[in-house]
Amino acid sequence: EVQLVESGGGLVQTGGSLRLSCAASGFTFDDYAIGWFRQAPGKEREGVLCITVSDSSTSYADSVKDRFTISSDNAKNTVYLQMNNLKPEDTGVYYCAARESLCIPYFLRDYDGMDYWGKGTLVTVSS
């Protein structure tokens, strides 16, 4: 059974940090790109960052550049999202998704093209 399980969400003050985890199972992790997406209340889903597991290449949305980083631990089949200097506009449900492809900028817009999705974890940034 394929699973993507997010964890690490919570409530944090503006300027704070959180690290989200996405634990993958049921597929060949090294063959995939893993991305983080978020959706704020009343807004469309937004692609945030992605990583090609095999070579650690990444793509970022401009809104999180220099604040968020993505990394993978291939031994644990887990991808991490380190979020620093959080802002209220970062509030939302954060989902990880996987596709058997490379992480390229288009990956962050191709919501319907993902092979698998997690159920999400809520991040709330208070002002």
Foldseek 3Di string as FASTA:
>chain_A
DWAWAKDWADEAAQQAKTKMKIFIDDDQLQQKKKWKWWDDVPGDIWTAKIARNNPRDMDGDPVQPPFWDKDDDNVRNMIMIIGGRDDQVVWGWMKMFMDRDGHDPCVRVPVVRTPDIHPTDTHGYHD
